[in-house]
């Protein structure tokens, strides 16, 4: 989820879908899962 999706959905006419993707390395994800 990312906040600009919320405003762009209102301010860009004709929108059918907006998505947000972010990259993460495996080391980050493994450590994050352990911490969780």
ModelCIF file with pLDDT and N, C-alpha, C, O atoms, coordinates in Angstrom:
data_MODEL
#
_entry.id   MODEL 
#
_entity.id                         1 
_entity.type                       polymer 
_entity.pdbx_number_of_molecules   1 
#
_entity_poly.entity_id                      1 
_entity_poly.type                           'polypeptide(L)' 
_entity_poly.nstd_linkage                   no 
_entity_poly.nstd_monomer                   no 
_entity_poly.pdbx_seq_one_letter_code       
;(UNK)(UNK)(UNK)(UNK)(UNK)(UNK)(UNK)(UNK)(UNK)(UNK)(UNK)(UNK)(UNK)(UNK)(UNK)(UNK)
(UNK)(UNK)(UNK)(UNK)(UNK)(UNK)(UNK)(UNK)(UNK)(UNK)(UNK)(UNK)(UNK)(UNK)(UNK)(UNK)
(UNK)(UNK)(UNK)(UNK)
;
_entity_poly.pdbx_seq_one_letter_code_can   XXXXXXXXXXXXXXXXXXXXXXXXXXXXXXXXXXXX 
_entity_poly.pdbx_strand_id                 A 
#
loop_
_entity_poly_seq.entity_id 
_entity_poly_seq.num 
_entity_poly_seq.mon_id 
_entity_poly_seq.hetero 
1 1  UNK n 
1 2  UNK n 
1 3  UNK n 
1 4  UNK n 
1 5  UNK n 
1 6  UNK n 
1 7  UNK n 
1 8  UNK n 
1 9  UNK n 
1 10 UNK n 
1 11 UNK n 
1 12 UNK n 
1 13 UNK n 
1 14 UNK n 
1 15 UNK n 
1 16 UNK n 
1 17 UNK n 
1 18 UNK n 
1 19 UNK n 
1 20 UNK n 
1 21 UNK n 
1 22 UNK n 
1 23 UNK n 
1 24 UNK n 
1 25 UNK n 
1 26 UNK n 
1 27 UNK n 
1 28 UNK n 
1 29 UNK n 
1 30 UNK n 
1 31 UNK n 
1 32 UNK n 
1 33 UNK n 
1 34 UNK n 
1 35 UNK n 
1 36 UNK n 
#
_struct_asym.id          A 
_struct_asym.entity_id   1 
#
loop_
_ma_qa_metric.id 
_ma_qa_metric.mode 
_ma_qa_metric.name 
_ma_qa_metric.software_group_id 
_ma_qa_metric.type 
1 global pLDDT . pLDDT 
2 local  pLDDT . pLDDT 
#
_ma_qa_metric_global.metric_id      1 
_ma_qa_metric_global.metric_value   90.47 
_ma_qa_metric_global.model_id       1 
_ma_qa_metric_global.ordinal_id     1 
#
loop_
_ma_qa_metric_local.label_asym_id 
_ma_qa_metric_local.label_comp_id 
_ma_qa_metric_local.label_seq_id 
_ma_qa_metric_local.metric_id 
_ma_qa_metric_local.metric_value 
_ma_qa_metric_local.model_id 
_ma_qa_metric_local.ordinal_id 
A UNK 1  2 93.00 1 1  
A UNK 2  2 93.00 1 2  
A UNK 3  2 92.00 1 3  
A UNK 4  2 94.00 1 4  
A UNK 5  2 96.00 1 5  
A UNK 6  2 95.00 1 6  
A UNK 7  2 95.00 1 7  
A UNK 8  2 96.00 1 8  
A UNK 9  2 95.00 1 9  
A UNK 10 2 93.00 1 10 
A UNK 11 2 92.00 1 11 
A UNK 12 2 92.00 1 12 
A UNK 13 2 88.00 1 13 
A UNK 14 2 89.00 1 14 
A UNK 15 2 95.00 1 15 
A UNK 16 2 97.00 1 16 
A UNK 17 2 97.00 1 17 
A UNK 18 2 97.00 1 18 
A UNK 19 2 97.00 1 19 
A UNK 20 2 96.00 1 20 
A UNK 21 2 97.00 1 21 
A UNK 22 2 93.00 1 22 
A UNK 23 2 93.00 1 23 
A UNK 24 2 87.00 1 24 
A UNK 25 2 82.00 1 25 
A UNK 26 2 82.00 1 26 
A UNK 27 2 81.00 1 27 
A UNK 28 2 81.00 1 28 
A UNK 29 2 81.00 1 29 
A UNK 30 2 85.00 1 30 
A UNK 31 2 85.00 1 31 
A UNK 32 2 83.00 1 32 
A UNK 33 2 86.00 1 33 
A UNK 34 2 88.00 1 34 
A UNK 35 2 86.00 1 35 
A UNK 36 2 85.00 1 36 
#
loop_
_atom_site.group_PDB 
_atom_site.id 
_atom_site.type_symbol 
_atom_site.label_atom_id 
_atom_site.label_alt_id 
_atom_site.label_comp_id 
_atom_site.label_asym_id 
_atom_site.label_entity_id 
_atom_site.label_seq_id 
_atom_site.pdbx_PDB_ins_code 
_atom_site.Cartn_x 
_atom_site.Cartn_y 
_atom_site.Cartn_z 
_atom_site.occupancy 
_atom_site.B_iso_or_equiv 
_atom_site.pdbx_formal_charge 
_atom_site.auth_seq_id 
_atom_site.auth_comp_id 
_atom_site.auth_asym_id 
_atom_site.auth_atom_id 
_atom_site.pdbx_PDB_model_num 
ATOM 1   N N  . UNK A 1 1  ? 0.856  -1.187  0.000   1.00 93.00 ? 1  UNK A N  1 
ATOM 2   C CA . UNK A 1 1  ? 0.000  0.000   0.000   1.00 93.00 ? 1  UNK A CA 1 
ATOM 3   C C  . UNK A 1 1  ? 0.889  1.232   0.000   1.00 93.00 ? 1  UNK A C  1 
ATOM 4   O O  . UNK A 1 1  ? 1.926  1.244   0.664   1.00 93.00 ? 1  UNK A O  1 
ATOM 5   N N  . UNK A 1 2  ? 0.499  2.277   -0.738  1.00 93.00 ? 2  UNK A N  1 
ATOM 6   C CA . UNK A 1 2  ? 1.259  3.523   -0.706  1.00 93.00 ? 2  UNK A CA 1 
ATOM 7   C C  . UNK A 1 2  ? 0.320  4.686   -0.940  1.00 93.00 ? 2  UNK A C  1 
ATOM 8   O O  . UNK A 1 2  ? -0.644 4.574   -1.697  1.00 93.00 ? 2  UNK A O  1 
ATOM 9   N N  . UNK A 1 3  ? 0.603  5.811   -0.284  1.00 92.00 ? 3  UNK A N  1 
ATOM 10  C CA . UNK A 1 3  ? -0.387 6.874   -0.202  1.00 92.00 ? 3  UNK A CA 1 
ATOM 11  C C  . UNK A 1 3  ? -0.712 7.552   -1.525  1.00 92.00 ? 3  UNK A C  1 
ATOM 12  O O  . UNK A 1 3  ? -1.842 8.003   -1.712  1.00 92.00 ? 3  UNK A O  1 
ATOM 13  N N  . UNK A 1 4  ? 0.251  7.640   -2.459  1.00 94.00 ? 4  UNK A N  1 
ATOM 14  C CA . UNK A 1 4  ? -0.079 8.341   -3.693  1.00 94.00 ? 4  UNK A CA 1 
ATOM 15  C C  . UNK A 1 4  ? -1.145 7.628   -4.518  1.00 94.00 ? 4  UNK A C  1 
ATOM 16  O O  . UNK A 1 4  ? -1.788 8.246   -5.366  1.00 94.00 ? 4  UNK A O  1 
ATOM 17  N N  . UNK A 1 5  ? -1.338 6.334   -4.276  1.00 96.00 ? 5  UNK A N  1 
ATOM 18  C CA . UNK A 1 5  ? -2.420 5.624   -4.948  1.00 96.00 ? 5  UNK A CA 1 
ATOM 19  C C  . UNK A 1 5  ? -3.746 6.309   -4.639  1.00 96.00 ? 5  UNK A C  1 
ATOM 20  O O  . UNK A 1 5  ? -4.591 6.473   -5.519  1.00 96.00 ? 5  UNK A O  1 
ATOM 21  N N  . UNK A 1 6  ? -3.918 6.706   -3.388  1.00 95.00 ? 6  UNK A N  1 
ATOM 22  C CA . UNK A 1 6  ? -5.162 7.308   -2.921  1.00 95.00 ? 6  UNK A CA 1 
ATOM 23  C C  . UNK A 1 6  ? -5.464 8.612   -3.652  1.00 95.00 ? 6  UNK A C  1 
ATOM 24  O O  . UNK A 1 6  ? -6.596 8.826   -4.086  1.00 95.00 ? 6  UNK A O  1 
ATOM 25  N N  . UNK A 1 7  ? -4.466 9.489   -3.797  1.00 95.00 ? 7  UNK A N  1 
ATOM 26  C CA . UNK A 1 7  ? -4.715 10.775  -4.438  1.00 95.00 ? 7  UNK A CA 1 
ATOM 27  C C  . UNK A 1 7  ? -4.776 10.654  -5.957  1.00 95.00 ? 7  UNK A C  1 
ATOM 28  O O  . UNK A 1 7  ? -5.596 11.313  -6.596  1.00 95.00 ? 7  UNK A O  1 
ATOM 29  N N  . UNK A 1 8  ? -3.920 9.823   -6.539  1.00 96.00 ? 8  UNK A N  1 
ATOM 30  C CA . UNK A 1 8  ? -3.944 9.663   -7.997  1.00 96.00 ? 8  UNK A CA 1 
ATOM 31  C C  . UNK A 1 8  ? -5.252 9.058   -8.483  1.00 96.00 ? 8  UNK A C  1 
ATOM 32  O O  . UNK A 1 8  ? -5.726 9.386   -9.571  1.00 96.00 ? 8  UNK A O  1 
ATOM 33  N N  . UNK A 1 9  ? -5.835 8.180   -7.682  1.00 95.00 ? 9  UNK A N  1 
ATOM 34  C CA . UNK A 1 9  ? -7.121 7.580   -8.048  1.00 95.00 ? 9  UNK A CA 1 
ATOM 35  C C  . UNK A 1 9  ? -8.203 8.647   -8.190  1.00 95.00 ? 9  UNK A C  1 
ATOM 36  O O  . UNK A 1 9  ? -9.147 8.474   -8.961  1.00 95.00 ? 9  UNK A O  1 
ATOM 37  N N  . UNK A 1 10 ? -8.071 9.751   -7.448  1.00 93.00 ? 10 UNK A N  1 
ATOM 38  C CA . UNK A 1 10 ? -9.031 10.842  -7.522  1.00 93.00 ? 10 UNK A CA 1 
ATOM 39  C C  . UNK A 1 10 ? -8.683 11.865  -8.600  1.00 93.00 ? 10 UNK A C  1 
ATOM 40  O O  . UNK A 1 10 ? -9.570 12.460  -9.212  1.00 93.00 ? 10 UNK A O  1 
ATOM 41  N N  . UNK A 1 11 ? -7.386 12.064  -8.828  1.00 92.00 ? 11 UNK A N  1 
ATOM 42  C CA . UNK A 1 11 ? -6.952 13.199  -9.643  1.00 92.00 ? 11 UNK A CA 1 
ATOM 43  C C  . UNK A 1 11 ? -6.544 12.864  -11.073 1.00 92.00 ? 11 UNK A C  1 
ATOM 44  O O  . UNK A 1 11 ? -6.366 13.777  -11.880 1.00 92.00 ? 11 UNK A O  1 
ATOM 45  N N  . UNK A 1 12 ? -6.392 11.597  -11.410 1.00 92.00 ? 12 UNK A N  1 
ATOM 46  C CA . UNK A 1 12 ? -6.066 11.202  -12.781 1.00 92.00 ? 12 UNK A CA 1 
ATOM 47  C C  . UNK A 1 12 ? -7.312 10.571  -13.392 1.00 92.00 ? 12 UNK A C  1 
ATOM 48  O O  . UNK A 1 12 ? -7.686 9.466   -12.999 1.00 92.00 ? 12 UNK A O  1 
ATOM 49  N N  . UNK A 1 13 ? -7.967 11.240  -14.343 1.00 88.00 ? 13 UNK A N  1 
ATOM 50  C CA . UNK A 1 13 ? -9.207 10.701  -14.915 1.00 88.00 ? 13 UNK A CA 1 
ATOM 51  C C  . UNK A 1 13 ? -8.958 9.442   -15.750 1.00 88.00 ? 13 UNK A C  1 
ATOM 52  O O  . UNK A 1 13 ? -7.901 9.284   -16.361 1.00 88.00 ? 13 UNK A O  1 
ATOM 53  N N  . UNK A 1 14 ? -9.946 8.558   -15.762 1.00 89.00 ? 14 UNK A N  1 
ATOM 54  C CA . UNK A 1 14 ? -9.866 7.350   -16.576 1.00 89.00 ? 14 UNK A CA 1 
ATOM 55  C C  . UNK A 1 14 ? -9.185 6.177   -15.919 1.00 89.00 ? 14 UNK A C  1 
ATOM 56  O O  . UNK A 1 14 ? -9.057 5.120   -16.536 1.00 89.00 ? 14 UNK A O  1 
ATOM 57  N N  . UNK A 1 15 ? -8.738 6.331   -14.670 1.00 95.00 ? 15 UNK A N  1 
ATOM 58  C CA . UNK A 1 15 ? -7.983 5.284   -13.977 1.00 95.00 ? 15 UNK A CA 1 
ATOM 59  C C  . UNK A 1 15 ? -8.852 4.059   -13.698 1.00 95.00 ? 15 UNK A C  1 
ATOM 60  O O  . UNK A 1 15 ? -9.960 4.173   -13.173 1.00 95.00 ? 15 UNK A O  1 
ATOM 61  N N  . UNK A 1 16 ? -8.329 2.887   -14.058 1.00 97.00 ? 16 UNK A N  1 
ATOM 62  C CA . UNK A 1 16 ? -8.966 1.624   -13.728 1.00 97.00 ? 16 UNK A CA 1 
ATOM 63  C C  . UNK A 1 16 ? -8.203 0.874   -12.634 1.00 97.00 ? 16 UNK A C  1 
ATOM 64  O O  . UNK A 1 16 ? -8.798 0.149   -11.837 1.00 97.00 ? 16 UNK A O  1 
ATOM 65  N N  . UNK A 1 17 ? -6.860 1.060   -12.604 1.00 97.00 ? 17 UNK A N  1 
ATOM 66  C CA . UNK A 1 17 ? -6.070 0.363   -11.591 1.00 97.00 ? 17 UNK A CA 1 
ATOM 67  C C  . UNK A 1 17 ? -4.762 1.111   -11.338 1.00 97.00 ? 17 UNK A C  1 
ATOM 68  O O  . UNK A 1 17 ? -4.114 1.586   -12.271 1.00 97.00 ? 17 UNK A O  1 
ATOM 69  N N  . UNK A 1 18 ? -4.386 1.209   -10.056 1.00 97.00 ? 18 UNK A N  1 
ATOM 70  C CA . UNK A 1 18 ? -3.089 1.755   -9.661  1.00 97.00 ? 18 UNK A CA 1 
ATOM 71  C C  . UNK A 1 18 ? -2.478 0.824   -8.629  1.00 97.00 ? 18 UNK A C  1 
ATOM 72  O O  . UNK A 1 18 ? -3.138 0.429   -7.668  1.00 97.00 ? 18 UNK A O  1 
ATOM 73  N N  . UNK A 1 19 ? -1.197 0.472   -8.835  1.00 97.00 ? 19 UNK A N  1 
ATOM 74  C CA . UNK A 1 19 ? -0.479 -0.375  -7.891  1.00 97.00 ? 19 UNK A CA 1 
ATOM 75  C C  . UNK A 1 19 ? 0.890  0.213   -7.592  1.00 97.00 ? 19 UNK A C  1 
ATOM 76  O O  . UNK A 1 19 ? 1.433  1.009   -8.359  1.00 97.00 ? 19 UNK A O  1 
ATOM 77  N N  . UNK A 1 20 ? 1.431  -0.202  -6.454  1.00 96.00 ? 20 UNK A N  1 
ATOM 78  C CA . UNK A 1 20 ? 2.759  0.243   -6.027  1.00 96.00 ? 20 UNK A CA 1 
ATOM 79  C C  . UNK A 1 20 ? 3.597  -0.979  -5.667  1.00 96.00 ? 20 UNK A C  1 
ATOM 80  O O  . UNK A 1 20 ? 3.158  -1.840  -4.906  1.00 96.00 ? 20 UNK A O  1 
ATOM 81  N N  . UNK A 1 21 ? 4.813  -1.047  -6.223  1.00 97.00 ? 21 UNK A N  1 
ATOM 82  C CA . UNK A 1 21 ? 5.739  -2.137  -5.945  1.00 97.00 ? 21 UNK A CA 1 
ATOM 83  C C  . UNK A 1 21 ? 7.060  -1.578  -5.418  1.00 97.00 ? 21 UNK A C  1 
ATOM 84  O O  . UNK A 1 21 ? 7.517  -0.525  -5.862  1.00 97.00 ? 21 UNK A O  1 
ATOM 85  N N  . UNK A 1 22 ? 7.668  -2.289  -4.473  1.00 93.00 ? 22 UNK A N  1 
ATOM 86  C CA . UNK A 1 22 ? 8.978  -1.914  -3.945  1.00 93.00 ? 22 UNK A CA 1 
ATOM 87  C C  . UNK A 1 22 ? 9.868  -3.154  -3.908  1.00 93.00 ? 22 UNK A C  1 
ATOM 88  O O  . UNK A 1 22 ? 9.407  -4.255  -3.608  1.00 93.00 ? 22 UNK A O  1 
ATOM 89  N N  . UNK A 1 23 ? 11.149 -2.956  -4.218  1.00 93.00 ? 23 UNK A N  1 
ATOM 90  C CA . UNK A 1 23 ? 12.088 -4.074  -4.215  1.00 93.00 ? 23 UNK A CA 1 
ATOM 91  C C  . UNK A 1 23 ? 12.644 -4.328  -2.818  1.00 93.00 ? 23 UNK A C  1 
ATOM 92  O O  . UNK A 1 23 ? 12.856 -3.399  -2.039  1.00 93.00 ? 23 UNK A O  1 
ATOM 93  N N  . UNK A 1 24 ? 12.874 -5.594  -2.518  1.00 87.00 ? 24 UNK A N  1 
ATOM 94  C CA . UNK A 1 24 ? 13.530 -6.007  -1.284  1.00 87.00 ? 24 UNK A CA 1 
ATOM 95  C C  . UNK A 1 24 ? 14.427 -7.197  -1.573  1.00 87.00 ? 24 UNK A C  1 
ATOM 96  O O  . UNK A 1 24 ? 14.050 -8.103  -2.316  1.00 87.00 ? 24 UNK A O  1 
ATOM 97  N N  . UNK A 1 25 ? 15.622 -7.191  -0.978  1.00 82.00 ? 25 UNK A N  1 
ATOM 98  C CA . UNK A 1 25 ? 16.526 -8.319  -1.101  1.00 82.00 ? 25 UNK A CA 1 
ATOM 99  C C  . UNK A 1 25 ? 16.152 -9.423  -0.126  1.00 82.00 ? 25 UNK A C  1 
ATOM 100 O O  . UNK A 1 25 ? 15.438 -9.184  0.848   1.00 82.00 ? 25 UNK A O  1 
ATOM 101 N N  . UNK A 1 26 ? 16.635 -10.627 -0.386  1.00 82.00 ? 26 UNK A N  1 
ATOM 102 C CA . UNK A 1 26 ? 16.280 -11.761 0.444   1.00 82.00 ? 26 UNK A CA 1 
ATOM 103 C C  . UNK A 1 26 ? 16.824 -11.619 1.862   1.00 82.00 ? 26 UNK A C  1 
ATOM 104 O O  . UNK A 1 26 ? 16.165 -12.040 2.813   1.00 82.00 ? 26 UNK A O  1 
ATOM 105 N N  . UNK A 1 27 ? 18.003 -11.040 2.026   1.00 81.00 ? 27 UNK A N  1 
ATOM 106 C CA . UNK A 1 27 ? 18.558 -10.857 3.364   1.00 81.00 ? 27 UNK A CA 1 
ATOM 107 C C  . UNK A 1 27 ? 17.640 -9.979  4.208   1.00 81.00 ? 27 UNK A C  1 
ATOM 108 O O  . UNK A 1 27 ? 17.378 -10.288 5.370   1.00 81.00 ? 27 UNK A O  1 
ATOM 109 N N  . UNK A 1 28 ? 17.152 -8.884  3.624   1.00 81.00 ? 28 UNK A N  1 
ATOM 110 C CA . UNK A 1 28 ? 16.234 -7.997  4.333   1.00 81.00 ? 28 UNK A CA 1 
ATOM 111 C C  . UNK A 1 28 ? 14.981 -8.755  4.766   1.00 81.00 ? 28 UNK A C  1 
ATOM 112 O O  . UNK A 1 28 ? 14.561 -8.662  5.919   1.00 81.00 ? 28 UNK A O  1 
ATOM 113 N N  . UNK A 1 29 ? 14.389 -9.501  3.842   1.00 81.00 ? 29 UNK A N  1 
ATOM 114 C CA . UNK A 1 29 ? 13.141 -10.201 4.136   1.00 81.00 ? 29 UNK A CA 1 
ATOM 115 C C  . UNK A 1 29 ? 13.336 -11.294 5.185   1.00 81.00 ? 29 UNK A C  1 
ATOM 116 O O  . UNK A 1 29 ? 12.477 -11.492 6.044   1.00 81.00 ? 29 UNK A O  1 
ATOM 117 N N  . UNK A 1 30 ? 14.463 -12.004 5.116   1.00 85.00 ? 30 UNK A N  1 
ATOM 118 C CA . UNK A 1 30 ? 14.732 -13.058 6.098   1.00 85.00 ? 30 UNK A CA 1 
ATOM 119 C C  . UNK A 1 30 ? 14.879 -12.477 7.495   1.00 85.00 ? 30 UNK A C  1 
ATOM 120 O O  . UNK A 1 30 ? 14.296 -12.984 8.453   1.00 85.00 ? 30 UNK A O  1 
ATOM 121 N N  . UNK A 1 31 ? 15.662 -11.408 7.604   1.00 85.00 ? 31 UNK A N  1 
ATOM 122 C CA . UNK A 1 31 ? 15.832 -10.771 8.917   1.00 85.00 ? 31 UNK A CA 1 
ATOM 123 C C  . UNK A 1 31 ? 14.514 -10.199 9.423   1.00 85.00 ? 31 UNK A C  1 
ATOM 124 O O  . UNK A 1 31 ? 14.198 -10.313 10.607  1.00 85.00 ? 31 UNK A O  1 
ATOM 125 N N  . UNK A 1 32 ? 13.740 -9.580  8.523   1.00 83.00 ? 32 UNK A N  1 
ATOM 126 C CA . UNK A 1 32 ? 12.471 -8.996  8.929   1.00 83.00 ? 32 UNK A CA 1 
ATOM 127 C C  . UNK A 1 32 ? 11.522 -10.065 9.464   1.00 83.00 ? 32 UNK A C  1 
ATOM 128 O O  . UNK A 1 32 ? 10.839 -9.851  10.466  1.00 83.00 ? 32 UNK A O  1 
ATOM 129 N N  . UNK A 1 33 ? 11.483 -11.209 8.798   1.00 86.00 ? 33 UNK A N  1 
ATOM 130 C CA . UNK A 1 33 ? 10.610 -12.288 9.242   1.00 86.00 ? 33 UNK A CA 1 
ATOM 131 C C  . UNK A 1 33 ? 11.031 -12.800 10.626  1.00 86.00 ? 33 UNK A C  1 
ATOM 132 O O  . UNK A 1 33 ? 10.183 -13.058 11.480  1.00 86.00 ? 33 UNK A O  1 
ATOM 133 N N  . UNK A 1 34 ? 12.322 -12.942 10.838  1.00 88.00 ? 34 UNK A N  1 
ATOM 134 C CA . UNK A 1 34 ? 12.816 -13.372 12.145  1.00 88.00 ? 34 UNK A CA 1 
ATOM 135 C C  . UNK A 1 34 ? 12.433 -12.371 13.230  1.00 88.00 ? 34 UNK A C  1 
ATOM 136 O O  . UNK A 1 34 ? 11.990 -12.753 14.312  1.00 88.00 ? 34 UNK A O  1 
ATOM 137 N N  . UNK A 1 35 ? 12.610 -11.088 12.927  1.00 86.00 ? 35 UNK A N  1 
ATOM 138 C CA . UNK A 1 35 ? 12.264 -10.049 13.890  1.00 86.00 ? 35 UNK A CA 1 
ATOM 139 C C  . UNK A 1 35 ? 10.766 -10.037 14.186  1.00 86.00 ? 35 UNK A C  1 
ATOM 140 O O  . UNK A 1 35 ? 10.360 -9.850  15.333  1.00 86.00 ? 35 UNK A O  1 
ATOM 141 N N  . UNK A 1 36 ? 9.943  -10.235 13.153  1.00 85.00 ? 36 UNK A N  1 
ATOM 142 C CA . UNK A 1 36 ? 8.498  -10.336 13.358  1.00 85.00 ? 36 UNK A CA 1 
ATOM 143 C C  . UNK A 1 36 ? 8.153  -11.517 14.252  1.00 85.00 ? 36 UNK A C  1 
ATOM 144 O O  . UNK A 1 36 ? 6.979  -11.755 14.534  1.00 85.00 ? 36 UNK A O  1 
#
